[in-house]
Amino acid sequence: MVKLPRKLSGLKIIKGLIRNGYVIKGKRGSHATLSNGKIHITVVMKKEESIGVLKQVLRITGLSIKEFL
């Protein structure tokens, strides 16, 4: 079982989504919108995001932590 990191940057969340087939559709300020054609998700590019943000991204996209990392 893979242990969830306690803190993760918004850029690492974006990189994980790109590895799984998501493409950056737009960027405005500190927010980036990614899409895989069916699911659209907006991620804040902060220095540190809490574990709750990562869990929510995984729930919305249907990815497991192993696929994401």
PDB file of N, CA and C in Angstrom:
ATOM      1  N   MET A   1       0.843  -1.181   0.000  1.00  0.00           N
ATOM      2  CA  MET A   1       0.000   0.000   0.000  1.00  0.00           C
ATOM      3  C   MET A   1       0.886   1.242   0.000  1.00  0.00           C
ATOM      4  N   VAL A   2       0.558   2.183  -0.846  1.00  0.00           N
ATOM      5  CA  VAL A   2       1.320   3.420  -0.964  1.00  0.00           C
ATOM      6  C   VAL A   2       0.792   4.425   0.052  1.00  0.00           C
ATOM      7  N   LYS A   3       1.707   5.039   0.794  1.00  0.00           N
ATOM      8  CA  LYS A   3       1.328   6.019   1.797  1.00  0.00           C
ATOM      9  C   LYS A   3       1.135   7.380   1.137  1.00  0.00           C
ATOM     10  N   LEU A   4       0.069   8.076   1.504  1.00  0.00           N
ATOM     11  CA  LEU A   4      -0.204   9.404   0.960  1.00  0.00           C
ATOM     12  C   LEU A   4       0.763  10.424   1.545  1.00  0.00           C
ATOM     13  N   PRO A   5       1.292  11.314   0.722  1.00  0.00           N
ATOM     14  CA  PRO A   5       2.153  12.372   1.257  1.00  0.00           C
ATOM     15  C   PRO A   5       1.315  13.361   2.069  1.00  0.00           C
ATOM     16  N   ARG A   6       1.887  13.952   3.089  1.00  0.00           N
ATOM     17  CA  ARG A   6       1.156  14.892   3.940  1.00  0.00           C
ATOM     18  C   ARG A   6       0.922  16.224   3.241  1.00  0.00           C
ATOM     19  N   LYS A   7       1.891  16.700   2.527  1.00  0.00           N
ATOM     20  CA  LYS A   7       1.743  17.961   1.785  1.00  0.00           C
ATOM     21  C   LYS A   7       2.260  17.744   0.379  1.00  0.00           C
ATOM     22  N   LEU A   8       1.631  18.404  -0.566  1.00  0.00           N
ATOM     23  CA  LEU A   8       1.990  18.245  -1.970  1.00  0.00           C
ATOM     24  C   LEU A   8       1.776  19.584  -2.656  1.00  0.00           C
ATOM     25  N   SER A   9       2.681  19.968  -3.544  1.00  0.00           N
ATOM     26  CA  SER A   9       2.512  21.252  -4.230  1.00  0.00           C
ATOM     27  C   SER A   9       1.484  21.099  -5.347  1.00  0.00           C
ATOM     28  N   GLY A  10       0.866  22.212  -5.710  1.00  0.00           N
ATOM     29  CA  GLY A  10      -0.102  22.207  -6.792  1.00  0.00           C
ATOM     30  C   GLY A  10       0.524  21.787  -8.110  1.00  0.00           C
ATOM     31  N   LEU A  11       1.802  22.132  -8.316  1.00  0.00           N
ATOM     32  CA  LEU A  11       2.488  21.754  -9.547  1.00  0.00           C
ATOM     33  C   LEU A  11       2.670  20.239  -9.635  1.00  0.00           C
ATOM     34  N   LYS A  12       2.924  19.589  -8.493  1.00  0.00           N
ATOM     35  CA  LYS A  12       3.060  18.128  -8.504  1.00  0.00           C
ATOM     36  C   LYS A  12       1.721  17.461  -8.806  1.00  0.00           C
ATOM     37  N   ILE A  13       0.632  18.053  -8.340  1.00  0.00           N
ATOM     38  CA  ILE A  13      -0.700  17.521  -8.663  1.00  0.00           C
ATOM     39  C   ILE A  13      -0.933  17.651 -10.163  1.00  0.00           C
ATOM     40  N   ILE A  14      -0.567  18.779 -10.743  1.00  0.00           N
ATOM     41  CA  ILE A  14      -0.730  18.990 -12.189  1.00  0.00           C
ATOM     42  C   ILE A  14       0.118  18.001 -12.977  1.00  0.00           C
ATOM     43  N   LYS A  15       1.367  17.797 -12.559  1.00  0.00           N
ATOM     44  CA  LYS A  15       2.244  16.845 -13.251  1.00  0.00           C
ATOM     45  C   LYS A  15       1.685  15.426 -13.182  1.00  0.00           C
ATOM     46  N   GLY A  16       1.102  15.056 -12.032  1.00  0.00           N
ATOM     47  CA  GLY A  16       0.491  13.737 -11.898  1.00  0.00           C
ATOM     48  C   GLY A  16      -0.698  13.571 -12.825  1.00  0.00           C
ATOM     49  N   LEU A  17      -1.483  14.625 -12.993  1.00  0.00           N
ATOM     50  CA  LEU A  17      -2.626  14.557 -13.905  1.00  0.00           C
ATOM     51  C   LEU A  17      -2.157  14.473 -15.359  1.00  0.00           C
ATOM     52  N   ILE A  18      -1.112  15.206 -15.708  1.00  0.00           N
ATOM     53  CA  ILE A  18      -0.593  15.170 -17.081  1.00  0.00           C
ATOM     54  C   ILE A  18      -0.076  13.772 -17.414  1.00  0.00           C
ATOM     55  N   ARG A  19       0.596  13.118 -16.452  1.00  0.00           N
ATOM     56  CA  ARG A  19       1.071  11.744 -16.671  1.00  0.00           C
ATOM     57  C   ARG A  19      -0.077  10.775 -16.934  1.00  0.00           C
ATOM     58  N   ASN A  20      -1.273  11.121 -16.475  1.00  0.00           N
ATOM     59  CA  ASN A  20      -2.428  10.247 -16.639  1.00  0.00           C
ATOM     60  C   ASN A  20      -3.362  10.697 -17.754  1.00  0.00           C
ATOM     61  N   GLY A  21      -2.859  11.480 -18.697  1.00  0.00           N
ATOM     62  CA  GLY A  21      -3.631  11.804 -19.889  1.00  0.00           C
ATOM     63  C   GLY A  21      -4.379  13.120 -19.866  1.00  0.00           C
ATOM     64  N   TYR A  22      -4.204  13.929 -18.845  1.00  0.00           N
ATOM     65  CA  TYR A  22      -4.870  15.230 -18.791  1.00  0.00           C
ATOM     66  C   TYR A  22      -4.007  16.265 -19.508  1.00  0.00           C
ATOM     67  N   VAL A  23      -4.653  17.275 -20.083  1.00  0.00           N
ATOM     68  CA  VAL A  23      -3.959  18.327 -20.814  1.00  0.00           C
ATOM     69  C   VAL A  23      -4.379  19.663 -20.210  1.00  0.00           C
ATOM     70  N   ILE A  24      -3.438  20.593 -20.138  1.00  0.00           N
ATOM     71  CA  ILE A  24      -3.759  21.923 -19.622  1.00  0.00           C
ATOM     72  C   ILE A  24      -4.561  22.664 -20.688  1.00  0.00           C
ATOM     73  N   LYS A  25      -5.778  23.042 -20.338  1.00  0.00           N
ATOM     74  CA  LYS A  25      -6.660  23.748 -21.274  1.00  0.00           C
ATOM     75  C   LYS A  25      -6.591  25.256 -21.102  1.00  0.00           C
ATOM     76  N   GLY A  26      -6.219  25.698 -19.911  1.00  0.00           N
ATOM     77  CA  GLY A  26      -6.126  27.137 -19.692  1.00  0.00           C
ATOM     78  C   GLY A  26      -5.475  27.432 -18.361  1.00  0.00           C
ATOM     79  N   LYS A  27      -4.972  28.650 -18.243  1.00  0.00           N
ATOM     80  CA  LYS A  27      -4.337  29.084 -17.014  1.00  0.00           C
ATOM     81  C   LYS A  27      -4.717  30.536 -16.794  1.00  0.00           C
ATOM     82  N   ARG A  28      -5.165  30.823 -15.596  1.00  0.00           N
ATOM     83  CA  ARG A  28      -5.544  32.194 -15.279  1.00  0.00           C
ATOM     84  C   ARG A  28      -5.093  32.489 -13.855  1.00  0.00           C
ATOM     85  N   GLY A  29      -4.139  33.377 -13.728  1.00  0.00           N
ATOM     86  CA  GLY A  29      -3.604  33.688 -12.408  1.00  0.00           C
ATOM     87  C   GLY A  29      -2.888  32.480 -11.842  1.00  0.00           C
ATOM     88  N   SER A  30      -3.312  32.040 -10.674  1.00  0.00           N
ATOM     89  CA  SER A  30      -2.667  30.895 -10.038  1.00  0.00           C
ATOM     90  C   SER A  30      -3.473  29.611 -10.215  1.00  0.00           C
ATOM     91  N   HIS A  31      -4.453  29.604 -11.111  1.00  0.00           N
ATOM     92  CA  HIS A  31      -5.290  28.431 -11.352  1.00  0.00           C
ATOM     93  C   HIS A  31      -5.010  27.850 -12.741  1.00  0.00           C
ATOM     94  N   ALA A  32      -4.967  26.526 -12.822  1.00  0.00           N
ATOM     95  CA  ALA A  32      -4.806  25.852 -14.110  1.00  0.00           C
ATOM     96  C   ALA A  32      -5.971  24.892 -14.291  1.00  0.00           C
ATOM     97  N   THR A  33      -6.564  24.888 -15.470  1.00  0.00           N
ATOM     98  CA  THR A  33      -7.661  23.984 -15.784  1.00  0.00           C
ATOM     99  C   THR A  33      -7.135  22.875 -16.677  1.00  0.00           C
ATOM    100  N   LEU A  34      -7.387  21.631 -16.258  1.00  0.00           N
ATOM    101  CA  LEU A  34      -6.946  20.458 -17.009  1.00  0.00           C
ATOM    102  C   LEU A  34      -8.158  19.651 -17.425  1.00  0.00           C
ATOM    103  N   SER A  35      -8.008  18.917 -18.528  1.00  0.00           N
ATOM    104  CA  SER A  35      -9.110  18.123 -19.040  1.00  0.00           C
ATOM    105  C   SER A  35      -8.579  16.889 -19.745  1.00  0.00           C
ATOM    106  N   ASN A  36      -9.372  15.809 -19.699  1.00  0.00           N
ATOM    107  CA  ASN A  36      -9.041  14.621 -20.489  1.00  0.00           C
ATOM    108  C   ASN A  36     -10.110  14.381 -21.548  1.00  0.00           C
ATOM    109  N   GLY A  37     -10.962  15.354 -21.784  1.00  0.00           N
ATOM    110  CA  GLY A  37     -12.029  15.235 -22.757  1.00  0.00           C
ATOM    111  C   GLY A  37     -13.382  15.015 -22.110  1.00  0.00           C
ATOM    112  N   LYS A  38     -13.402  14.303 -20.975  1.00  0.00           N
ATOM    113  CA  LYS A  38     -14.648  14.040 -20.256  1.00  0.00           C
ATOM    114  C   LYS A  38     -14.706  14.766 -18.924  1.00  0.00           C
ATOM    115  N   ILE A  39     -13.584  14.797 -18.226  1.00  0.00           N
ATOM    116  CA  ILE A  39     -13.525  15.397 -16.897  1.00  0.00           C
ATOM    117  C   ILE A  39     -12.668  16.656 -16.959  1.00  0.00           C
ATOM    118  N   HIS A  40     -13.194  17.751 -16.399  1.00  0.00           N
ATOM    119  CA  HIS A  40     -12.463  19.013 -16.320  1.00  0.00           C
ATOM    120  C   HIS A  40     -12.209  19.301 -14.848  1.00  0.00           C
ATOM    121  N   ILE A  41     -10.991  19.682 -14.523  1.00  0.00           N
ATOM    122  CA  ILE A  41     -10.643  19.949 -13.130  1.00  0.00           C
ATOM    123  C   ILE A  41      -9.736  21.172 -13.066  1.00  0.00           C
ATOM    124  N   THR A  42      -9.951  22.011 -12.056  1.00  0.00           N
ATOM    125  CA  THR A  42      -9.138  23.204 -11.853  1.00  0.00           C
ATOM    126  C   THR A  42      -8.292  23.002 -10.604  1.00  0.00           C
ATOM    127  N   VAL A  43      -6.995  23.264 -10.731  1.00  0.00           N
ATOM    128  CA  VAL A  43      -6.046  23.085  -9.633  1.00  0.00           C
ATOM    129  C   VAL A  43      -5.359  24.413  -9.350  1.00  0.00           C
ATOM    130  N   VAL A  44      -5.225  24.734  -8.077  1.00  0.00           N
ATOM    131  CA  VAL A  44      -4.515  25.940  -7.667  1.00  0.00           C
ATOM    132  C   VAL A  44      -3.037  25.604  -7.573  1.00  0.00           C
ATOM    133  N   MET A  45      -2.201  26.441  -8.166  1.00  0.00           N
ATOM    134  CA  MET A  45      -0.758  26.190  -8.175  1.00  0.00           C
ATOM    135  C   MET A  45      -0.099  26.856  -6.975  1.00  0.00           C
ATOM    136  N   LYS A  46      -0.466  26.391  -5.771  1.00  0.00           N
ATOM    137  CA  LYS A  46       0.121  26.902  -4.547  1.00  0.00           C
ATOM    138  C   LYS A  46       1.376  26.115  -4.219  1.00  0.00           C
ATOM    139  N   LYS A  47       2.183  26.653  -3.312  1.00  0.00           N
ATOM    140  CA  LYS A  47       3.395  25.956  -2.911  1.00  0.00           C
ATOM    141  C   LYS A  47       3.062  24.661  -2.185  1.00  0.00           C
ATOM    142  N   GLU A  48       2.059  24.689  -1.312  1.00  0.00           N
ATOM    143  CA  GLU A  48       1.681  23.497  -0.572  1.00  0.00           C
ATOM    144  C   GLU A  48       0.172  23.347  -0.548  1.00  0.00           C
ATOM    145  N   GLU A  49      -0.276  22.171  -0.893  1.00  0.00           N
ATOM    146  CA  GLU A  49      -1.686  21.832  -0.806  1.00  0.00           C
ATOM    147  C   GLU A  49      -1.846  20.799   0.301  1.00  0.00           C
ATOM    148  N   SER A  50      -3.002  20.755   0.912  1.00  0.00           N
ATOM    149  CA  SER A  50      -3.227  19.781   1.970  1.00  0.00           C
ATOM    150  C   SER A  50      -3.594  18.427   1.366  1.00  0.00           C
ATOM    151  N   ILE A  51      -3.605  17.412   2.180  1.00  0.00           N
ATOM    152  CA  ILE A  51      -3.914  16.055   1.741  1.00  0.00           C
ATOM    153  C   ILE A  51      -5.363  15.969   1.240  1.00  0.00           C
ATOM    154  N   GLY A  52      -6.229  16.829   1.768  1.00  0.00           N
ATOM    155  CA  GLY A  52      -7.635  16.821   1.349  1.00  0.00           C
ATOM    156  C   GLY A  52      -7.808  17.189  -0.113  1.00  0.00           C
ATOM    157  N   VAL A  53      -6.976  18.105  -0.591  1.00  0.00           N
ATOM    158  CA  VAL A  53      -7.048  18.512  -2.000  1.00  0.00           C
ATOM    159  C   VAL A  53      -6.666  17.335  -2.895  1.00  0.00           C
ATOM    160  N   LEU A  54      -5.599  16.622  -2.527  1.00  0.00           N
ATOM    161  CA  LEU A  54      -5.177  15.456  -3.311  1.00  0.00           C
ATOM    162  C   LEU A  54      -6.253  14.382  -3.311  1.00  0.00           C
ATOM    163  N   LYS A  55      -6.864  14.120  -2.159  1.00  0.00           N
ATOM    164  CA  LYS A  55      -7.924  13.114  -2.080  1.00  0.00           C
ATOM    165  C   LYS A  55      -9.108  13.498  -2.959  1.00  0.00           C
ATOM    166  N   GLN A  56      -9.439  14.781  -2.976  1.00  0.00           N
ATOM    167  CA  GLN A  56     -10.556  15.247  -3.793  1.00  0.00           C
ATOM    168  C   GLN A  56     -10.250  15.102  -5.282  1.00  0.00           C
ATOM    169  N   VAL A  57      -9.021  15.415  -5.685  1.00  0.00           N
ATOM    170  CA  VAL A  57      -8.619  15.257  -7.081  1.00  0.00           C
ATOM    171  C   VAL A  57      -8.696  13.787  -7.481  1.00  0.00           C
ATOM    172  N   LEU A  58      -8.226  12.894  -6.606  1.00  0.00           N
ATOM    173  CA  LEU A  58      -8.280  11.455  -6.898  1.00  0.00           C
ATOM    174  C   LEU A  58      -9.720  10.966  -7.001  1.00  0.00           C
ATOM    175  N   ARG A  59     -10.597  11.478  -6.139  1.00  0.00           N
ATOM    176  CA  ARG A  59     -12.004  11.058  -6.171  1.00  0.00           C
ATOM    177  C   ARG A  59     -12.680  11.530  -7.454  1.00  0.00           C
ATOM    178  N   ILE A  60     -12.434  12.762  -7.852  1.00  0.00           N
ATOM    179  CA  ILE A  60     -13.063  13.318  -9.049  1.00  0.00           C
ATOM    180  C   ILE A  60     -12.583  12.597 -10.309  1.00  0.00           C
ATOM    181  N   THR A  61     -11.275  12.340 -10.383  1.00  0.00           N
ATOM    182  CA  THR A  61     -10.709  11.742 -11.588  1.00  0.00           C
ATOM    183  C   THR A  61     -10.835  10.226 -11.627  1.00  0.00           C
ATOM    184  N   GLY A  62     -11.061   9.604 -10.470  1.00  0.00           N
ATOM    185  CA  GLY A  62     -11.185   8.146 -10.435  1.00  0.00           C
ATOM    186  C   GLY A  62      -9.838   7.431 -10.455  1.00  0.00           C
ATOM    187  N   LEU A  63      -8.757   8.149 -10.191  1.00  0.00           N
ATOM    188  CA  LEU A  63      -7.424   7.554 -10.180  1.00  0.00           C
ATOM    189  C   LEU A  63      -7.096   7.027  -8.790  1.00  0.00           C
ATOM    190  N   SER A  64      -6.240   6.023  -8.734  1.00  0.00           N
ATOM    191  CA  SER A  64      -5.744   5.557  -7.438  1.00  0.00           C
ATOM    192  C   SER A  64      -4.440   6.290  -7.136  1.00  0.00           C
ATOM    193  N   ILE A  65      -3.992   6.195  -5.895  1.00  0.00           N
ATOM    194  CA  ILE A  65      -2.746   6.863  -5.530  1.00  0.00           C
ATOM    195  C   ILE A  65      -1.557   6.254  -6.260  1.00  0.00           C
ATOM    196  N   LYS A  66      -1.599   4.959  -6.543  1.00  0.00           N
ATOM    197  CA  LYS A  66      -0.518   4.304  -7.290  1.00  0.00           C
ATOM    198  C   LYS A  66      -0.455   4.838  -8.714  1.00  0.00           C
ATOM    199  N   GLU A  67      -1.599   5.011  -9.361  1.00  0.00           N
ATOM    200  CA  GLU A  67      -1.629   5.560 -10.718  1.00  0.00           C
ATOM    201  C   GLU A  67      -1.153   7.002 -10.733  1.00  0.00           C
ATOM    202  N   PHE A  68      -1.526   7.746  -9.696  1.00  0.00           N
ATOM    203  CA  PHE A  68      -1.223   9.171  -9.645  1.00  0.00           C
ATOM    204  C   PHE A  68       0.253   9.425  -9.414  1.00  0.00           C
ATOM    205  N   LEU A  69       0.849   8.714  -8.448  1.00  0.00           N
ATOM    206  CA  LEU A  69       2.256   8.929  -8.136  1.00  0.00           C
ATOM    207  C   LEU A  69       3.082   8.099  -9.078  1.00  0.00           C
TER     208      LEU A  69
END
